[in-house]
N, C-alpha and C. Protein backbone atom coordinates (compact mmCIF):
# COMPACT_ATOMS: atom_id res chain seq x y z
N MET A 1 110.67 230.84 -69.86
CA MET A 1 111.35 232.11 -69.81
C MET A 1 110.29 233.21 -69.83
N ALA A 2 110.40 234.15 -68.89
CA ALA A 2 109.40 235.22 -68.83
C ALA A 2 110.01 236.50 -68.26
N PRO A 3 110.86 237.18 -69.02
CA PRO A 3 111.39 238.45 -68.51
C PRO A 3 110.30 239.53 -68.50
N ALA A 4 110.38 240.41 -67.50
CA ALA A 4 109.40 241.48 -67.37
C ALA A 4 110.10 242.75 -66.87
N VAL A 5 109.51 243.89 -67.18
CA VAL A 5 110.05 245.16 -66.72
C VAL A 5 108.89 246.04 -66.24
N PHE A 6 109.12 246.77 -65.16
CA PHE A 6 108.14 247.68 -64.60
C PHE A 6 108.74 249.07 -64.55
N TYR A 7 107.89 250.10 -64.67
CA TYR A 7 108.35 251.48 -64.54
C TYR A 7 107.22 252.29 -63.90
N TYR A 8 107.54 253.00 -62.82
CA TYR A 8 106.56 253.86 -62.16
C TYR A 8 107.18 255.22 -61.90
N ARG A 9 106.48 256.27 -62.28
CA ARG A 9 106.94 257.64 -62.03
C ARG A 9 105.71 258.50 -61.81
N LYS A 10 105.64 259.06 -60.63
CA LYS A 10 104.51 259.90 -60.24
C LYS A 10 103.21 259.14 -60.46
N ALA A 11 102.30 259.66 -61.26
CA ALA A 11 100.99 259.03 -61.47
C ALA A 11 100.98 258.05 -62.64
N PHE A 12 102.13 257.82 -63.28
CA PHE A 12 102.22 256.96 -64.47
C PHE A 12 102.91 255.64 -64.13
N GLY A 13 102.39 254.57 -64.70
CA GLY A 13 103.03 253.27 -64.54
C GLY A 13 103.00 252.49 -65.84
N ALA A 14 103.99 251.64 -66.04
CA ALA A 14 104.05 250.81 -67.25
C ALA A 14 104.63 249.45 -66.89
N PHE A 15 104.25 248.47 -67.69
CA PHE A 15 104.67 247.09 -67.48
C PHE A 15 104.79 246.42 -68.84
N ALA A 16 105.82 245.62 -69.02
CA ALA A 16 105.97 244.85 -70.25
C ALA A 16 106.57 243.50 -69.90
N GLU A 17 106.16 242.48 -70.64
CA GLU A 17 106.74 241.16 -70.44
C GLU A 17 106.70 240.36 -71.73
N PHE A 18 107.60 239.41 -71.81
CA PHE A 18 107.66 238.46 -72.92
C PHE A 18 107.70 237.08 -72.30
N VAL A 19 106.94 236.15 -72.86
CA VAL A 19 106.91 234.78 -72.33
C VAL A 19 107.15 233.81 -73.48
N ARG A 20 108.04 232.86 -73.24
CA ARG A 20 108.26 231.78 -74.20
C ARG A 20 108.12 230.49 -73.40
N SER A 21 107.18 229.67 -73.82
CA SER A 21 106.88 228.42 -73.13
C SER A 21 107.21 227.26 -74.07
N ALA A 22 108.07 226.34 -73.63
CA ALA A 22 108.45 225.20 -74.46
C ALA A 22 108.19 223.91 -73.69
N GLN A 23 107.65 222.93 -74.41
CA GLN A 23 107.41 221.64 -73.78
C GLN A 23 107.33 220.54 -74.84
N VAL A 24 107.48 219.31 -74.38
CA VAL A 24 107.31 218.16 -75.26
C VAL A 24 105.87 217.69 -75.09
N VAL A 25 105.17 217.52 -76.21
CA VAL A 25 103.77 217.09 -76.20
C VAL A 25 103.70 215.75 -76.91
N THR A 26 102.95 214.81 -76.32
CA THR A 26 102.80 213.49 -76.91
C THR A 26 101.36 213.31 -77.40
N ALA A 27 101.23 212.88 -78.63
CA ALA A 27 99.92 212.59 -79.21
C ALA A 27 100.08 211.43 -80.19
N ASP A 28 99.21 210.47 -80.10
CA ASP A 28 99.27 209.31 -80.99
C ASP A 28 100.66 208.66 -80.97
N ALA A 29 101.23 208.54 -79.78
CA ALA A 29 102.53 207.91 -79.57
C ALA A 29 103.68 208.66 -80.23
N ARG A 30 103.45 209.91 -80.66
CA ARG A 30 104.52 210.75 -81.20
C ARG A 30 104.79 211.89 -80.24
N ALA A 31 106.04 212.20 -80.03
CA ALA A 31 106.42 213.32 -79.18
C ALA A 31 106.93 214.45 -80.06
N ILE A 32 106.42 215.64 -79.82
CA ILE A 32 106.88 216.81 -80.57
C ILE A 32 107.21 217.94 -79.61
N ASP A 33 108.14 218.79 -80.01
CA ASP A 33 108.47 219.98 -79.25
C ASP A 33 107.55 221.11 -79.68
N VAL A 34 106.92 221.76 -78.70
CA VAL A 34 106.04 222.88 -78.97
C VAL A 34 106.53 224.08 -78.16
N ALA A 35 106.70 225.21 -78.82
CA ALA A 35 107.15 226.44 -78.15
C ALA A 35 106.21 227.58 -78.55
N ASN A 36 105.47 228.09 -77.58
CA ASN A 36 104.56 229.20 -77.81
C ASN A 36 105.18 230.48 -77.28
N GLN A 37 104.78 231.62 -77.86
CA GLN A 37 105.31 232.91 -77.43
C GLN A 37 104.16 233.90 -77.21
N ALA A 38 104.35 234.77 -76.22
CA ALA A 38 103.36 235.82 -75.96
C ALA A 38 104.09 237.03 -75.37
N TRP A 39 103.49 238.19 -75.54
CA TRP A 39 104.03 239.40 -74.93
C TRP A 39 102.88 240.35 -74.62
N GLN A 40 103.14 241.29 -73.74
CA GLN A 40 102.17 242.33 -73.43
C GLN A 40 102.88 243.61 -73.00
N VAL A 41 102.20 244.71 -73.26
CA VAL A 41 102.64 246.03 -72.82
C VAL A 41 101.42 246.69 -72.20
N ALA A 42 101.56 247.21 -70.98
CA ALA A 42 100.43 247.83 -70.29
C ALA A 42 100.88 249.15 -69.69
N ALA A 43 99.93 250.08 -69.55
CA ALA A 43 100.22 251.38 -68.95
C ALA A 43 99.02 251.83 -68.14
N LEU A 44 99.28 252.68 -67.17
CA LEU A 44 98.21 253.24 -66.35
C LEU A 44 98.55 254.68 -66.00
N VAL A 45 97.51 255.47 -65.78
CA VAL A 45 97.67 256.84 -65.30
C VAL A 45 96.63 257.04 -64.21
N ASN A 46 97.08 257.47 -63.04
CA ASN A 46 96.18 257.82 -61.95
C ASN A 46 95.71 259.25 -62.18
N LEU A 47 94.48 259.38 -62.62
CA LEU A 47 93.95 260.69 -63.03
C LEU A 47 93.82 261.67 -61.88
N THR A 48 93.74 261.16 -60.65
CA THR A 48 93.59 262.02 -59.48
C THR A 48 94.91 262.26 -58.75
N GLY A 49 96.04 261.87 -59.38
CA GLY A 49 97.37 262.24 -58.88
C GLY A 49 98.03 261.31 -57.90
N GLU A 50 97.41 260.22 -57.51
CA GLU A 50 98.05 259.29 -56.59
C GLU A 50 99.29 258.68 -57.24
N PRO A 51 100.32 258.33 -56.44
CA PRO A 51 101.50 257.71 -57.03
C PRO A 51 101.18 256.33 -57.60
N ALA A 52 101.73 256.03 -58.75
CA ALA A 52 101.52 254.73 -59.39
C ALA A 52 102.41 253.68 -58.72
N SER A 53 101.90 252.46 -58.65
CA SER A 53 102.67 251.33 -58.13
C SER A 53 101.96 250.05 -58.56
N ALA A 54 102.56 248.90 -58.23
CA ALA A 54 101.95 247.61 -58.54
C ALA A 54 100.81 247.29 -57.58
N ALA A 55 100.73 248.02 -56.48
CA ALA A 55 99.69 247.78 -55.47
C ALA A 55 98.40 248.52 -55.83
N LEU A 56 97.35 248.23 -55.09
CA LEU A 56 96.10 248.98 -55.25
C LEU A 56 96.34 250.45 -54.92
N VAL A 57 95.59 251.30 -55.55
CA VAL A 57 95.71 252.74 -55.31
C VAL A 57 95.09 253.07 -53.95
N SER A 58 95.77 253.90 -53.19
CA SER A 58 95.23 254.42 -51.94
C SER A 58 94.79 255.86 -52.20
N PRO A 59 93.47 256.12 -52.27
CA PRO A 59 92.99 257.45 -52.65
C PRO A 59 93.46 258.55 -51.70
N LYS A 60 93.89 259.67 -52.28
CA LYS A 60 94.23 260.84 -51.48
C LYS A 60 92.99 261.38 -50.78
N SER A 61 91.85 261.25 -51.46
CA SER A 61 90.58 261.75 -50.94
C SER A 61 89.53 260.64 -51.04
N PRO A 62 89.39 259.79 -49.99
CA PRO A 62 88.40 258.72 -50.04
C PRO A 62 87.00 259.26 -50.28
N PHE A 63 86.15 258.40 -50.80
CA PHE A 63 84.79 258.76 -51.20
C PHE A 63 84.01 259.41 -50.04
N ASP A 64 83.67 260.67 -50.22
CA ASP A 64 82.88 261.44 -49.25
C ASP A 64 82.22 262.58 -50.03
N PRO A 65 81.09 262.29 -50.73
CA PRO A 65 80.46 263.31 -51.59
C PRO A 65 80.14 264.64 -50.91
N PRO A 66 79.63 264.68 -49.65
CA PRO A 66 79.37 265.98 -49.03
C PRO A 66 80.62 266.86 -48.92
N ALA A 67 81.78 266.19 -48.82
CA ALA A 67 83.04 266.94 -48.73
C ALA A 67 83.65 267.18 -50.11
N GLY A 68 82.96 266.74 -51.17
CA GLY A 68 83.49 266.92 -52.53
C GLY A 68 84.62 265.97 -52.86
N GLN A 69 84.67 264.83 -52.19
CA GLN A 69 85.73 263.85 -52.42
C GLN A 69 85.13 262.61 -53.06
N PHE A 70 85.76 262.13 -54.13
CA PHE A 70 85.18 261.02 -54.88
C PHE A 70 86.15 259.87 -55.11
N GLY A 71 87.18 259.75 -54.30
CA GLY A 71 88.12 258.65 -54.42
C GLY A 71 89.14 258.87 -55.52
N ALA A 72 89.79 257.79 -55.93
CA ALA A 72 90.84 257.84 -56.95
C ALA A 72 90.31 257.23 -58.25
N TRP A 73 90.75 257.80 -59.36
CA TRP A 73 90.37 257.32 -60.70
C TRP A 73 91.63 256.99 -61.47
N GLN A 74 91.56 255.92 -62.22
CA GLN A 74 92.73 255.43 -62.96
C GLN A 74 92.29 254.96 -64.34
N ILE A 75 93.05 255.33 -65.37
CA ILE A 75 92.80 254.82 -66.71
C ILE A 75 93.92 253.83 -67.04
N VAL A 76 93.55 252.73 -67.69
CA VAL A 76 94.51 251.67 -68.00
C VAL A 76 94.39 251.26 -69.47
N ALA A 77 95.49 250.77 -70.03
CA ALA A 77 95.49 250.27 -71.40
C ALA A 77 96.50 249.13 -71.50
N ARG A 78 96.19 248.18 -72.39
CA ARG A 78 97.08 247.04 -72.56
C ARG A 78 96.97 246.52 -73.99
N HIS A 79 98.09 246.07 -74.53
CA HIS A 79 98.09 245.36 -75.80
C HIS A 79 98.91 244.09 -75.62
N ALA A 80 98.38 242.97 -76.13
CA ALA A 80 99.04 241.68 -75.95
C ALA A 80 98.93 240.86 -77.23
N ARG A 81 99.86 239.93 -77.38
CA ARG A 81 99.85 239.06 -78.56
C ARG A 81 100.31 237.67 -78.16
N LEU A 82 99.66 236.66 -78.72
CA LEU A 82 99.99 235.25 -78.52
C LEU A 82 100.24 234.62 -79.88
N ALA A 83 101.31 233.84 -79.99
CA ALA A 83 101.61 233.08 -81.21
C ALA A 83 101.81 231.62 -80.81
N VAL A 84 100.98 230.75 -81.37
CA VAL A 84 101.06 229.32 -81.07
C VAL A 84 101.98 228.65 -82.09
N ASP A 85 102.85 227.79 -81.62
CA ASP A 85 103.80 227.08 -82.47
C ASP A 85 103.07 226.28 -83.54
N LYS A 86 103.53 226.39 -84.77
CA LYS A 86 102.92 225.64 -85.89
C LYS A 86 102.98 224.14 -85.66
N ALA A 87 103.98 223.67 -84.95
CA ALA A 87 104.12 222.24 -84.70
C ALA A 87 102.93 221.68 -83.92
N ALA A 88 102.29 222.49 -83.11
CA ALA A 88 101.15 222.02 -82.32
C ALA A 88 99.98 221.60 -83.20
N PHE A 89 99.84 222.23 -84.35
CA PHE A 89 98.69 221.94 -85.21
C PHE A 89 98.86 220.65 -86.01
N ALA A 90 100.07 220.13 -86.05
CA ALA A 90 100.30 218.87 -86.76
C ALA A 90 99.78 217.68 -85.97
N THR A 91 99.67 217.83 -84.61
CA THR A 91 99.27 216.66 -83.82
C THR A 91 98.25 216.97 -82.73
N VAL A 92 98.46 217.97 -81.91
CA VAL A 92 97.64 218.13 -80.70
C VAL A 92 96.56 219.21 -80.78
N ALA A 93 96.76 220.26 -81.54
CA ALA A 93 95.78 221.33 -81.63
C ALA A 93 94.85 221.10 -82.81
N SER A 94 93.67 221.66 -82.71
CA SER A 94 92.72 221.54 -83.80
C SER A 94 93.26 222.24 -85.04
N PRO A 95 93.26 221.58 -86.19
CA PRO A 95 93.75 222.23 -87.41
C PRO A 95 92.95 223.46 -87.81
N SER A 96 91.73 223.58 -87.28
CA SER A 96 90.90 224.73 -87.64
C SER A 96 91.06 225.90 -86.67
N ALA A 97 91.92 225.76 -85.67
CA ALA A 97 92.11 226.83 -84.68
C ALA A 97 93.00 227.95 -85.23
N SER A 98 92.83 229.13 -84.67
CA SER A 98 93.67 230.27 -85.04
C SER A 98 95.08 230.05 -84.55
N ARG A 99 96.04 230.56 -85.30
CA ARG A 99 97.45 230.39 -84.95
C ARG A 99 97.96 231.49 -84.01
N SER A 100 97.26 232.63 -83.99
CA SER A 100 97.70 233.73 -83.14
C SER A 100 96.51 234.61 -82.79
N ALA A 101 96.72 235.43 -81.76
CA ALA A 101 95.68 236.36 -81.34
C ALA A 101 96.33 237.63 -80.82
N SER A 102 95.67 238.76 -81.08
CA SER A 102 96.10 240.07 -80.55
C SER A 102 94.95 240.64 -79.76
N GLN A 103 95.27 241.25 -78.64
CA GLN A 103 94.23 241.77 -77.76
C GLN A 103 94.58 243.18 -77.32
N THR A 104 93.60 244.07 -77.40
CA THR A 104 93.76 245.44 -76.92
C THR A 104 92.68 245.71 -75.89
N THR A 105 93.07 246.25 -74.74
CA THR A 105 92.15 246.52 -73.65
C THR A 105 92.32 247.97 -73.20
N ILE A 106 91.20 248.64 -72.94
CA ILE A 106 91.22 249.94 -72.27
C ILE A 106 90.24 249.86 -71.11
N GLY A 107 90.54 250.58 -70.05
CA GLY A 107 89.67 250.48 -68.89
C GLY A 107 89.74 251.68 -67.99
N LEU A 108 88.77 251.74 -67.11
CA LEU A 108 88.68 252.80 -66.10
C LEU A 108 88.47 252.13 -64.75
N ASN A 109 89.32 252.47 -63.79
CA ASN A 109 89.22 251.92 -62.44
C ASN A 109 88.87 253.03 -61.46
N TRP A 110 88.02 252.69 -60.50
CA TRP A 110 87.64 253.65 -59.46
C TRP A 110 87.94 253.03 -58.11
N TYR A 111 88.66 253.77 -57.27
CA TYR A 111 89.01 253.35 -55.92
C TYR A 111 88.33 254.31 -54.95
N PRO A 112 87.10 254.01 -54.49
CA PRO A 112 86.43 254.93 -53.57
C PRO A 112 87.06 254.92 -52.18
N ALA A 113 87.72 253.83 -51.81
CA ALA A 113 88.39 253.70 -50.51
C ALA A 113 89.64 252.84 -50.72
N GLN A 114 90.46 252.76 -49.69
CA GLN A 114 91.76 252.11 -49.83
C GLN A 114 91.66 250.64 -50.25
N PHE A 115 90.65 249.90 -49.81
CA PHE A 115 90.59 248.48 -50.09
C PHE A 115 89.45 248.10 -51.03
N VAL A 116 88.93 249.07 -51.78
CA VAL A 116 87.80 248.83 -52.67
C VAL A 116 88.16 249.31 -54.08
N LYS A 117 87.86 248.46 -55.07
CA LYS A 117 88.15 248.80 -56.46
C LYS A 117 86.98 248.37 -57.34
N TYR A 118 86.57 249.27 -58.23
CA TYR A 118 85.60 248.95 -59.27
C TYR A 118 86.30 249.15 -60.61
N ALA A 119 86.11 248.20 -61.51
CA ALA A 119 86.79 248.28 -62.81
C ALA A 119 85.80 248.02 -63.94
N VAL A 120 85.97 248.76 -65.03
CA VAL A 120 85.23 248.54 -66.26
C VAL A 120 86.26 248.50 -67.38
N ASN A 121 86.26 247.42 -68.16
CA ASN A 121 87.22 247.25 -69.25
C ASN A 121 86.50 246.90 -70.55
N TYR A 122 87.00 247.45 -71.63
CA TYR A 122 86.58 247.05 -72.97
C TYR A 122 87.76 246.32 -73.59
N GLU A 123 87.48 245.16 -74.18
CA GLU A 123 88.55 244.34 -74.74
C GLU A 123 88.19 243.92 -76.18
N ARG A 124 89.16 244.03 -77.05
CA ARG A 124 88.99 243.63 -78.46
C ARG A 124 90.08 242.63 -78.80
N THR A 125 89.67 241.44 -79.26
CA THR A 125 90.62 240.39 -79.60
C THR A 125 90.45 240.01 -81.06
N THR A 126 91.55 240.02 -81.81
CA THR A 126 91.54 239.60 -83.21
C THR A 126 92.36 238.32 -83.34
N PHE A 127 91.96 237.49 -84.28
CA PHE A 127 92.60 236.20 -84.50
C PHE A 127 93.10 236.13 -85.94
N ASP A 128 94.23 235.46 -86.15
CA ASP A 128 94.70 235.26 -87.51
C ASP A 128 95.48 233.96 -87.60
N GLY A 129 95.85 233.64 -88.80
CA GLY A 129 96.58 232.41 -89.03
C GLY A 129 95.68 231.21 -89.23
N HIS A 130 94.38 231.42 -89.26
CA HIS A 130 93.45 230.31 -89.47
C HIS A 130 93.55 229.86 -90.92
N PRO A 131 93.80 228.58 -91.17
CA PRO A 131 94.04 228.12 -92.54
C PRO A 131 92.79 228.08 -93.42
N ARG A 132 91.60 227.96 -92.82
CA ARG A 132 90.40 227.77 -93.65
C ARG A 132 89.49 228.99 -93.67
N ALA A 133 89.32 229.64 -92.56
CA ALA A 133 88.41 230.79 -92.51
C ALA A 133 88.81 231.69 -91.35
N ALA A 134 88.66 232.96 -91.54
CA ALA A 134 89.02 233.91 -90.49
C ALA A 134 88.02 233.82 -89.33
N ARG A 135 88.53 233.82 -88.12
CA ARG A 135 87.67 233.84 -86.94
C ARG A 135 87.26 235.28 -86.68
N SER A 136 86.03 235.47 -86.27
CA SER A 136 85.51 236.82 -86.03
C SER A 136 86.23 237.49 -84.87
N THR A 137 86.34 238.80 -84.97
CA THR A 137 86.90 239.59 -83.88
C THR A 137 85.94 239.53 -82.69
N GLU A 138 86.50 239.40 -81.50
CA GLU A 138 85.69 239.37 -80.28
C GLU A 138 85.74 240.71 -79.59
N HIS A 139 84.60 241.15 -79.07
CA HIS A 139 84.49 242.38 -78.29
C HIS A 139 83.88 241.99 -76.95
N ALA A 140 84.42 242.51 -75.88
CA ALA A 140 83.89 242.18 -74.56
C ALA A 140 83.98 243.39 -73.64
N ILE A 141 83.05 243.47 -72.73
CA ILE A 141 83.08 244.48 -71.67
C ILE A 141 83.05 243.72 -70.35
N TYR A 142 84.02 244.00 -69.50
CA TYR A 142 84.13 243.36 -68.20
C TYR A 142 83.92 244.40 -67.12
N MET A 143 83.15 244.04 -66.11
CA MET A 143 82.98 244.89 -64.94
C MET A 143 83.32 244.05 -63.71
N ARG A 144 84.03 244.65 -62.76
CA ARG A 144 84.44 243.89 -61.58
C ARG A 144 84.40 244.79 -60.35
N ALA A 145 83.98 244.21 -59.26
CA ALA A 145 84.07 244.85 -57.94
C ALA A 145 85.05 244.01 -57.12
N GLN A 146 85.98 244.67 -56.45
CA GLN A 146 87.02 243.93 -55.74
C GLN A 146 87.22 244.52 -54.35
N LEU A 147 87.31 243.63 -53.37
CA LEU A 147 87.67 244.01 -52.00
C LEU A 147 89.02 243.38 -51.70
N SER A 148 89.95 244.11 -51.15
CA SER A 148 91.28 243.59 -50.81
C SER A 148 91.53 243.78 -49.33
N PHE A 149 92.08 242.75 -48.72
CA PHE A 149 92.36 242.80 -47.29
C PHE A 149 93.82 242.59 -47.04
């Protein structure tokens, strides 16, 4: 089950979804039901005024510095959470693993042309539910260049 909702208005966009995954897992000749849950909420704002959509941004003013045009800029944010079923730790998952994780991401995207995207994201992930010791918070910076055809 994975219901999702999208909303776009002018330069603003938002997305939310909830996922519940259930399956039977077999370990050591025992079958158990495992159901994990996750959700996320994301938002974006096109800082240069382009209409928001699920597609790549098409810059109003493609990159042309002599003409004072620098493409489209977009700021993005997301928060997500995963909860692993406790039943998984009785048989198939490592007993020392975290039971849940929360992740927050902020980013800046640049679209110098219609089919080109550069992205920089900062991501912070926290873990909890560990029975023996807390897992350290993770920090990451991702950079990506993308061509779309």
